[in-house]
PDB file of N, CA and C in Angstrom:
ATOM      1  N   MET A   1    -191.639  32.438 -11.097  1.00  0.00           N
ATOM      2  CA  MET A   1    -191.067  33.382 -11.949  1.00  0.00           C
ATOM      3  C   MET A   1    -192.055  34.562 -12.209  1.00  0.00           C
ATOM      4  N   LYS A   2    -191.554  35.657 -12.659  1.00  0.00           N
ATOM      5  CA  LYS A   2    -192.377  36.717 -12.999  1.00  0.00           C
ATOM      6  C   LYS A   2    -191.672  37.531 -14.116  1.00  0.00           C
ATOM      7  N   ALA A   3    -192.483  38.202 -14.822  1.00  0.00           N
ATOM      8  CA  ALA A   3    -191.998  39.270 -15.866  1.00  0.00           C
ATOM      9  C   ALA A   3    -191.375  40.431 -15.140  1.00  0.00           C
ATOM     10  N   LYS A   4    -190.209  40.823 -15.684  1.00  0.00           N
ATOM     11  CA  LYS A   4    -189.550  41.994 -15.054  1.00  0.00           C
ATOM     12  C   LYS A   4    -190.316  43.218 -15.586  1.00  0.00           C
ATOM     13  N   LYS A   5    -190.446  44.212 -14.736  1.00  0.00           N
ATOM     14  CA  LYS A   5    -191.097  45.531 -15.127  1.00  0.00           C
ATOM     15  C   LYS A   5    -190.290  46.169 -16.161  1.00  0.00           C
ATOM     16  N   GLY A   6    -190.988  46.942 -16.864  1.00  0.00           N
ATOM     17  CA  GLY A   6    -190.287  47.811 -17.877  1.00  0.00           C
ATOM     18  C   GLY A   6    -190.151  47.201 -19.285  1.00  0.00           C
ATOM     19  N   PHE A   7    -190.623  46.019 -19.414  1.00  0.00           N
ATOM     20  CA  PHE A   7    -190.542  45.393 -20.832  1.00  0.00           C
ATOM     21  C   PHE A   7    -191.958  45.283 -21.406  1.00  0.00           C
ATOM     22  N   LYS A   8    -192.130  45.678 -22.555  1.00  0.00           N
ATOM     23  CA  LYS A   8    -193.448  45.718 -23.151  1.00  0.00           C
ATOM     24  C   LYS A   8    -193.413  45.019 -24.563  1.00  0.00           C
ATOM     25  N   LEU A   9    -194.426  44.320 -24.929  1.00  0.00           N
ATOM     26  CA  LEU A   9    -194.626  43.696 -26.221  1.00  0.00           C
ATOM     27  C   LEU A   9    -195.212  44.783 -27.208  1.00  0.00           C
ATOM     28  N   ARG A  10    -194.510  44.888 -28.338  1.00  0.00           N
ATOM     29  CA  ARG A  10    -194.930  45.847 -29.262  1.00  0.00           C
ATOM     30  C   ARG A  10    -194.878  45.049 -30.679  1.00  0.00           C
ATOM     31  N   GLN A  11    -195.779  45.545 -31.582  1.00  0.00           N
ATOM     32  CA  GLN A  11    -195.779  44.920 -32.885  1.00  0.00           C
ATOM     33  C   GLN A  11    -195.152  45.935 -33.827  1.00  0.00           C
ATOM     34  N   ILE A  12    -194.036  45.583 -34.437  1.00  0.00           N
ATOM     35  CA  ILE A  12    -193.226  46.479 -35.296  1.00  0.00           C
ATOM     36  C   ILE A  12    -193.038  45.835 -36.596  1.00  0.00           C
ATOM     37  N   CYS A  13    -193.547  46.401 -37.684  1.00  0.00           N
ATOM     38  CA  CYS A  13    -193.523  45.890 -38.958  1.00  0.00           C
ATOM     39  C   CYS A  13    -193.924  44.422 -39.051  1.00  0.00           C
ATOM     40  N   GLY A  14    -195.002  44.163 -38.333  1.00  0.00           N
ATOM     41  CA  GLY A  14    -195.559  42.764 -38.436  1.00  0.00           C
ATOM     42  C   GLY A  14    -194.901  41.844 -37.473  1.00  0.00           C
ATOM     43  N   GLU A  15    -193.876  42.271 -36.711  1.00  0.00           N
ATOM     44  CA  GLU A  15    -193.169  41.327 -35.861  1.00  0.00           C
ATOM     45  C   GLU A  15    -193.510  41.663 -34.386  1.00  0.00           C
ATOM     46  N   ASN A  16    -193.670  40.599 -33.549  1.00  0.00           N
ATOM     47  CA  ASN A  16    -193.782  40.847 -32.100  1.00  0.00           C
ATOM     48  C   ASN A  16    -192.431  41.092 -31.467  1.00  0.00           C
ATOM     49  N   ILE A  17    -192.191  42.208 -30.868  1.00  0.00           N
ATOM     50  CA  ILE A  17    -190.855  42.548 -30.322  1.00  0.00           C
ATOM     51  C   ILE A  17    -191.092  42.972 -28.885  1.00  0.00           C
ATOM     52  N   ILE A  18    -190.160  42.549 -27.986  1.00  0.00           N
ATOM     53  CA  ILE A  18    -190.120  42.935 -26.622  1.00  0.00           C
ATOM     54  C   ILE A  18    -189.175  44.112 -26.595  1.00  0.00           C
ATOM     55  N   VAL A  19    -189.605  45.280 -26.043  1.00  0.00           N
ATOM     56  CA  VAL A  19    -188.801  46.485 -25.909  1.00  0.00           C
ATOM     57  C   VAL A  19    -188.832  47.003 -24.459  1.00  0.00           C
ATOM     58  N   ALA A  20    -187.700  47.566 -24.009  1.00  0.00           N
ATOM     59  CA  ALA A  20    -187.664  48.065 -22.678  1.00  0.00           C
ATOM     60  C   ALA A  20    -188.249  49.543 -22.786  1.00  0.00           C
ATOM     61  N   ASP A  21    -188.896  49.939 -21.698  1.00  0.00           N
ATOM     62  CA  ASP A  21    -189.394  51.375 -21.617  1.00  0.00           C
ATOM     63  C   ASP A  21    -188.223  52.099 -21.069  1.00  0.00           C
ATOM     64  N   GLY A  22    -188.277  53.367 -21.581  1.00  0.00           N
ATOM     65  CA  GLY A  22    -187.267  54.349 -21.106  1.00  0.00           C
ATOM     66  C   GLY A  22    -186.029  54.469 -22.041  1.00  0.00           C
ATOM     67  N   ILE A  23    -185.624  55.637 -22.263  1.00  0.00           N
ATOM     68  CA  ILE A  23    -184.464  55.869 -23.168  1.00  0.00           C
ATOM     69  C   ILE A  23    -183.236  55.084 -22.651  1.00  0.00           C
ATOM     70  N   GLU A  24    -183.124  55.054 -21.331  1.00  0.00           N
ATOM     71  CA  GLU A  24    -181.927  54.525 -20.713  1.00  0.00           C
ATOM     72  C   GLU A  24    -181.849  53.025 -20.924  1.00  0.00           C
ATOM     73  N   ASN A  25    -182.925  52.382 -21.256  1.00  0.00           N
ATOM     74  CA  ASN A  25    -182.956  50.900 -21.505  1.00  0.00           C
ATOM     75  C   ASN A  25    -182.818  50.581 -22.994  1.00  0.00           C
ATOM     76  N   ILE A  26    -182.515  51.432 -23.939  1.00  0.00           N
ATOM     77  CA  ILE A  26    -182.441  51.173 -25.299  1.00  0.00           C
ATOM     78  C   ILE A  26    -181.162  50.371 -25.540  1.00  0.00           C
ATOM     79  N   ASP A  27    -181.209  49.218 -26.165  1.00  0.00           N
ATOM     80  CA  ASP A  27    -180.019  48.447 -26.478  1.00  0.00           C
ATOM     81  C   ASP A  27    -180.428  47.618 -27.727  1.00  0.00           C
ATOM     82  N   PHE A  28    -180.121  48.173 -28.848  1.00  0.00           N
ATOM     83  CA  PHE A  28    -180.583  47.504 -30.161  1.00  0.00           C
ATOM     84  C   PHE A  28    -179.859  46.130 -30.477  1.00  0.00           C
ATOM     85  N   SER A  29    -178.842  46.004 -29.599  1.00  0.00           N
ATOM     86  CA  SER A  29    -178.010  44.695 -29.896  1.00  0.00           C
ATOM     87  C   SER A  29    -178.714  43.482 -29.367  1.00  0.00           C
ATOM     88  N   SER A  30    -179.764  43.642 -28.514  1.00  0.00           N
ATOM     89  CA  SER A  30    -180.407  42.522 -27.960  1.00  0.00           C
ATOM     90  C   SER A  30    -181.994  42.649 -28.115  1.00  0.00           C
ATOM     91  N   ILE A  31    -182.477  42.860 -29.191  1.00  0.00           N
ATOM     92  CA  ILE A  31    -183.940  42.974 -29.497  1.00  0.00           C
ATOM     93  C   ILE A  31    -184.418  41.535 -29.431  1.00  0.00           C
ATOM     94  N   ILE A  32    -185.505  41.444 -28.757  1.00  0.00           N
ATOM     95  CA  ILE A  32    -186.156  40.121 -28.494  1.00  0.00           C
ATOM     96  C   ILE A  32    -187.462  39.991 -29.343  1.00  0.00           C
ATOM     97  N   SER A  33    -187.424  39.089 -30.373  1.00  0.00           N
ATOM     98  CA  SER A  33    -188.472  38.830 -31.310  1.00  0.00           C
ATOM     99  C   SER A  33    -189.294  37.650 -30.853  1.00  0.00           C
ATOM    100  N   MET A  34    -190.563  37.693 -30.868  1.00  0.00           N
ATOM    101  CA  MET A  34    -191.435  36.549 -30.448  1.00  0.00           C
ATOM    102  C   MET A  34    -192.422  36.182 -31.494  1.00  0.00           C
ATOM    103  N   ASN A  35    -192.605  34.826 -31.615  1.00  0.00           N
ATOM    104  CA  ASN A  35    -193.613  34.369 -32.534  1.00  0.00           C
ATOM    105  C   ASN A  35    -194.996  34.518 -31.941  1.00  0.00           C
ATOM    106  N   GLU A  36    -195.983  34.049 -32.588  1.00  0.00           N
ATOM    107  CA  GLU A  36    -197.360  34.331 -32.087  1.00  0.00           C
ATOM    108  C   GLU A  36    -197.600  33.632 -30.773  1.00  0.00           C
ATOM    109  N   SER A  37    -197.219  32.427 -30.512  1.00  0.00           N
ATOM    110  CA  SER A  37    -197.523  31.691 -29.361  1.00  0.00           C
ATOM    111  C   SER A  37    -196.744  32.261 -28.225  1.00  0.00           C
ATOM    112  N   SER A  38    -195.450  32.661 -28.355  1.00  0.00           N
ATOM    113  CA  SER A  38    -194.743  33.261 -27.249  1.00  0.00           C
ATOM    114  C   SER A  38    -195.182  34.661 -26.908  1.00  0.00           C
ATOM    115  N   ALA A  39    -195.688  35.348 -27.894  1.00  0.00           N
ATOM    116  CA  ALA A  39    -196.306  36.732 -27.666  1.00  0.00           C
ATOM    117  C   ALA A  39    -197.553  36.536 -26.917  1.00  0.00           C
ATOM    118  N   TYR A  40    -198.348  35.452 -27.161  1.00  0.00           N
ATOM    119  CA  TYR A  40    -199.546  35.235 -26.389  1.00  0.00           C
ATOM    120  C   TYR A  40    -199.220  34.843 -24.939  1.00  0.00           C
ATOM    121  N   LEU A  41    -198.217  34.073 -24.767  1.00  0.00           N
ATOM    122  CA  LEU A  41    -197.798  33.769 -23.292  1.00  0.00           C
ATOM    123  C   LEU A  41    -197.267  34.971 -22.668  1.00  0.00           C
ATOM    124  N   TRP A  42    -196.557  35.748 -23.281  1.00  0.00           N
ATOM    125  CA  TRP A  42    -195.995  37.082 -22.682  1.00  0.00           C
ATOM    126  C   TRP A  42    -197.100  37.838 -22.151  1.00  0.00           C
ATOM    127  N   GLN A  43    -198.090  38.079 -23.041  1.00  0.00           N
ATOM    128  CA  GLN A  43    -199.265  38.937 -22.666  1.00  0.00           C
ATOM    129  C   GLN A  43    -199.980  38.359 -21.505  1.00  0.00           C
ATOM    130  N   ALA A  44    -200.039  36.950 -21.510  1.00  0.00           N
ATOM    131  CA  ALA A  44    -200.790  36.263 -20.405  1.00  0.00           C
ATOM    132  C   ALA A  44    -200.179  36.434 -19.018  1.00  0.00           C
ATOM    133  N   ILE A  45    -198.859  36.619 -18.995  1.00  0.00           N
ATOM    134  CA  ILE A  45    -198.201  36.635 -17.670  1.00  0.00           C
ATOM    135  C   ILE A  45    -197.970  38.131 -17.193  1.00  0.00           C
ATOM    136  N   GLN A  46    -198.330  39.064 -17.942  1.00  0.00           N
ATOM    137  CA  GLN A  46    -198.005  40.481 -17.551  1.00  0.00           C
ATOM    138  C   GLN A  46    -198.679  40.851 -16.238  1.00  0.00           C
ATOM    139  N   ASP A  47    -199.787  40.428 -15.834  1.00  0.00           N
ATOM    140  CA  ASP A  47    -200.386  40.842 -14.582  1.00  0.00           C
ATOM    141  C   ASP A  47    -200.242  39.861 -13.500  1.00  0.00           C
ATOM    142  N   LYS A  48    -199.505  38.838 -13.644  1.00  0.00           N
ATOM    143  CA  LYS A  48    -199.334  37.834 -12.718  1.00  0.00           C
ATOM    144  C   LYS A  48    -198.121  38.114 -11.793  1.00  0.00           C
ATOM    145  N   GLU A  49    -198.283  37.917 -10.513  1.00  0.00           N
ATOM    146  CA  GLU A  49    -197.234  38.019  -9.652  1.00  0.00           C
ATOM    147  C   GLU A  49    -196.163  36.934  -9.903  1.00  0.00           C
ATOM    148  N   GLN A  50    -196.570  35.728 -10.147  1.00  0.00           N
ATOM    149  CA  GLN A  50    -195.783  34.634 -10.329  1.00  0.00           C
ATOM    150  C   GLN A  50    -196.387  33.755 -11.415  1.00  0.00           C
ATOM    151  N   PHE A  51    -195.541  33.027 -12.148  1.00  0.00           N
ATOM    152  CA  PHE A  51    -196.073  32.015 -13.003  1.00  0.00           C
ATOM    153  C   PHE A  51    -195.037  30.838 -13.057  1.00  0.00           C
ATOM    154  N   SER A  52    -195.505  29.700 -13.559  1.00  0.00           N
ATOM    155  CA  SER A  52    -194.688  28.482 -13.657  1.00  0.00           C
ATOM    156  C   SER A  52    -194.653  28.025 -15.081  1.00  0.00           C
ATOM    157  N   THR A  53    -193.646  27.169 -15.438  1.00  0.00           N
ATOM    158  CA  THR A  53    -193.693  26.566 -16.693  1.00  0.00           C
ATOM    159  C   THR A  53    -194.852  25.722 -17.021  1.00  0.00           C
ATOM    160  N   GLU A  54    -195.360  25.126 -15.919  1.00  0.00           N
ATOM    161  CA  GLU A  54    -196.597  24.342 -16.049  1.00  0.00           C
ATOM    162  C   GLU A  54    -197.802  25.168 -16.474  1.00  0.00           C
ATOM    163  N   GLU A  55    -197.826  26.340 -15.876  1.00  0.00           N
ATOM    164  CA  GLU A  55    -198.912  27.244 -16.190  1.00  0.00           C
ATOM    165  C   GLU A  55    -198.893  27.668 -17.724  1.00  0.00           C
ATOM    166  N   LEU A  56    -197.643  27.970 -18.117  1.00  0.00           N
ATOM    167  CA  LEU A  56    -197.580  28.339 -19.601  1.00  0.00           C
ATOM    168  C   LEU A  56    -197.891  27.092 -20.422  1.00  0.00           C
ATOM    169  N   ALA A  57    -197.566  25.932 -20.102  1.00  0.00           N
ATOM    170  CA  ALA A  57    -197.985  24.796 -20.904  1.00  0.00           C
ATOM    171  C   ALA A  57    -199.451  24.607 -20.951  1.00  0.00           C
ATOM    172  N   THR A  58    -200.123  24.789 -19.810  1.00  0.00           N
ATOM    173  CA  THR A  58    -201.577  24.878 -19.858  1.00  0.00           C
ATOM    174  C   THR A  58    -202.206  25.915 -20.692  1.00  0.00           C
ATOM    175  N   LEU A  59    -201.650  27.051 -20.685  1.00  0.00           N
ATOM    176  CA  LEU A  59    -202.103  28.136 -21.559  1.00  0.00           C
ATOM    177  C   LEU A  59    -201.975  27.611 -22.937  1.00  0.00           C
ATOM    178  N   LEU A  60    -200.770  27.012 -23.332  1.00  0.00           N
ATOM    179  CA  LEU A  60    -200.660  26.524 -24.736  1.00  0.00           C
ATOM    180  C   LEU A  60    -201.619  25.562 -25.093  1.00  0.00           C
ATOM    181  N   THR A  61    -201.816  24.567 -24.274  1.00  0.00           N
ATOM    182  CA  THR A  61    -202.909  23.511 -24.661  1.00  0.00           C
ATOM    183  C   THR A  61    -204.249  24.046 -24.791  1.00  0.00           C
ATOM    184  N   GLU A  62    -204.606  25.087 -24.065  1.00  0.00           N
ATOM    185  CA  GLU A  62    -205.902  25.683 -24.083  1.00  0.00           C
ATOM    186  C   GLU A  62    -206.117  26.483 -25.390  1.00  0.00           C
ATOM    187  N   GLN A  63    -204.923  27.102 -25.875  1.00  0.00           N
ATOM    188  CA  GLN A  63    -205.090  28.007 -27.002  1.00  0.00           C
ATOM    189  C   GLN A  63    -204.746  27.366 -28.299  1.00  0.00           C
ATOM    190  N   TYR A  64    -203.915  26.357 -28.302  1.00  0.00           N
ATOM    191  CA  TYR A  64    -203.396  25.731 -29.532  1.00  0.00           C
ATOM    192  C   TYR A  64    -203.602  24.244 -29.435  1.00  0.00           C
ATOM    193  N   GLU A  65    -203.648  23.628 -30.603  1.00  0.00           N
ATOM    194  CA  GLU A  65    -203.752  22.175 -30.707  1.00  0.00           C
ATOM    195  C   GLU A  65    -202.357  21.491 -30.571  1.00  0.00           C
ATOM    196  N   VAL A  66    -202.022  21.361 -29.277  1.00  0.00           N
ATOM    197  CA  VAL A  66    -200.761  20.750 -28.914  1.00  0.00           C
ATOM    198  C   VAL A  66    -200.898  19.902 -27.696  1.00  0.00           C
ATOM    199  N   ASP A  67    -200.209  18.746 -27.653  1.00  0.00           N
ATOM    200  CA  ASP A  67    -200.342  17.784 -26.548  1.00  0.00           C
ATOM    201  C   ASP A  67    -199.631  18.424 -25.340  1.00  0.00           C
ATOM    202  N   GLU A  68    -199.893  17.892 -24.143  1.00  0.00           N
ATOM    203  CA  GLU A  68    -199.312  18.379 -22.889  1.00  0.00           C
ATOM    204  C   GLU A  68    -197.709  18.277 -22.834  1.00  0.00           C
ATOM    205  N   ALA A  69    -197.329  17.149 -23.294  1.00  0.00           N
ATOM    206  CA  ALA A  69    -195.776  16.949 -23.307  1.00  0.00           C
ATOM    207  C   ALA A  69    -195.034  17.907 -24.164  1.00  0.00           C
ATOM    208  N   THR A  70    -195.601  18.149 -25.322  1.00  0.00           N
ATOM    209  CA  THR A  70    -194.912  19.108 -26.233  1.00  0.00           C
ATOM    210  C   THR A  70    -195.027  20.487 -25.655  1.00  0.00           C
ATOM    211  N   ALA A  71    -196.239  20.891 -25.051  1.00  0.00           N
ATOM    212  CA  ALA A  71    -196.356  22.179 -24.572  1.00  0.00           C
ATOM    213  C   ALA A  71    -195.487  22.434 -23.333  1.00  0.00           C
ATOM    214  N   LEU A  72    -195.245  21.428 -22.623  1.00  0.00           N
ATOM    215  CA  LEU A  72    -194.365  21.533 -21.400  1.00  0.00           C
ATOM    216  C   LEU A  72    -192.882  21.761 -21.839  1.00  0.00           C
ATOM    217  N   ALA A  73    -192.492  21.014 -22.824  1.00  0.00           N
ATOM    218  CA  ALA A  73    -191.144  21.064 -23.411  1.00  0.00           C
ATOM    219  C   ALA A  73    -190.938  22.496 -24.056  1.00  0.00           C
ATOM    220  N   ASP A  74    -191.911  22.940 -24.811  1.00  0.00           N
ATOM    221  CA  ASP A  74    -191.849  24.204 -25.457  1.00  0.00           C
ATOM    222  C   ASP A  74    -191.767  25.381 -24.436  1.00  0.00           C
ATOM    223  N   SER A  75    -192.631  25.214 -23.360  1.00  0.00           N
ATOM    224  CA  SER A  75    -192.641  26.201 -22.305  1.00  0.00           C
ATOM    225  C   SER A  75    -191.328  26.314 -21.549  1.00  0.00           C
ATOM    226  N   GLN A  76    -190.688  25.143 -21.359  1.00  0.00           N
ATOM    227  CA  GLN A  76    -189.407  25.127 -20.632  1.00  0.00           C
ATOM    228  C   GLN A  76    -188.325  25.816 -21.517  1.00  0.00           C
ATOM    229  N   THR A  77    -188.322  25.492 -22.803  1.00  0.00           N
ATOM    230  CA  THR A  77    -187.455  26.179 -23.719  1.00  0.00           C
ATOM    231  C   THR A  77    -187.627  27.671 -23.738  1.00  0.00           C
ATOM    232  N   LEU A  78    -188.880  28.119 -23.691  1.00  0.00           N
ATOM    233  CA  LEU A  78    -189.235  29.517 -23.867  1.00  0.00           C
ATOM    234  C   LEU A  78    -188.722  30.285 -22.547  1.00  0.00           C
ATOM    235  N   VAL A  79    -189.014  29.605 -21.359  1.00  0.00           N
ATOM    236  CA  VAL A  79    -188.533  30.151 -20.090  1.00  0.00           C
ATOM    237  C   VAL A  79    -187.051  30.296 -19.975  1.00  0.00           C
ATOM    238  N   ASP A  80    -186.418  29.259 -20.509  1.00  0.00           N
ATOM    239  CA  ASP A  80    -184.845  29.379 -20.560  1.00  0.00           C
ATOM    240  C   ASP A  80    -184.430  30.556 -21.389  1.00  0.00           C
ATOM    241  N   GLN A  81    -185.112  30.734 -22.492  1.00  0.00           N
ATOM    242  CA  GLN A  81    -184.762  31.896 -23.441  1.00  0.00           C
ATOM    243  C   GLN A  81    -185.075  33.183 -22.714  1.00  0.00           C
ATOM    244  N   TRP A  82    -186.178  33.252 -22.096  1.00  0.00           N
ATOM    245  CA  TRP A  82    -186.593  34.547 -21.411  1.00  0.00           C
ATOM    246  C   TRP A  82    -185.550  34.895 -20.249  1.00  0.00           C
ATOM    247  N   LEU A  83    -185.159  33.776 -19.545  1.00  0.00           N
ATOM    248  CA  LEU A  83    -184.210  33.998 -18.429  1.00  0.00           C
ATOM    249  C   LEU A  83    -182.949  34.501 -18.991  1.00  0.00           C
ATOM    250  N   LYS A  84    -182.433  33.886 -20.055  1.00  0.00           N
ATOM    251  CA  LYS A  84    -181.153  34.231 -20.729  1.00  0.00           C
ATOM    252  C   LYS A  84    -181.260  35.714 -21.197  1.00  0.00           C
ATOM    253  N   ALA A  85    -182.417  36.155 -21.682  1.00  0.00           N
ATOM    254  CA  ALA A  85    -182.545  37.410 -22.255  1.00  0.00           C
ATOM    255  C   ALA A  85    -182.715  38.492 -21.052  1.00  0.00           C
ATOM    256  N   GLY A  86    -183.020  37.986 -19.882  1.00  0.00           N
ATOM    257  CA  GLY A  86    -183.144  38.962 -18.737  1.00  0.00           C
ATOM    258  C   GLY A  86    -184.573  39.668 -18.618  1.00  0.00           C
ATOM    259  N   ILE A  87    -185.602  39.022 -19.288  1.00  0.00           N
ATOM    260  CA  ILE A  87    -186.858  39.642 -19.155  1.00  0.00           C
ATOM    261  C   ILE A  87    -187.813  39.036 -18.186  1.00  0.00           C
ATOM    262  N   ILE A  88    -187.364  37.990 -17.520  1.00  0.00           N
ATOM    263  CA  ILE A  88    -188.094  37.450 -16.381  1.00  0.00           C
ATOM    264  C   ILE A  88    -187.129  37.139 -15.249  1.00  0.00           C
ATOM    265  N   GLU A  89    -187.686  36.978 -14.004  1.00  0.00           N
ATOM    266  CA  GLU A  89    -186.863  36.707 -12.920  1.00  0.00           C
ATOM    267  C   GLU A  89    -187.618  35.727 -12.024  1.00  0.00           C
TER     268      GLU A  89
END
């Protein structure tokens, strides 16, 4: 998987929000809000050609006090949400 080009993480009013670059991409009906850990993971994958759910889980265990099984389950949930939102491919 990889992050689609044109989506940037911005902090707006204290919230981490994914926004599309360019006026033609503005669609306020599908704003994507991220918590601290998902924003951390989004930033970590920006320069990667490919990433896996397992890599996201490893990043979580390195950054937060979470066991591997929980990190893997959380990473899979996040990937599913990102796919549904259309911000990764």
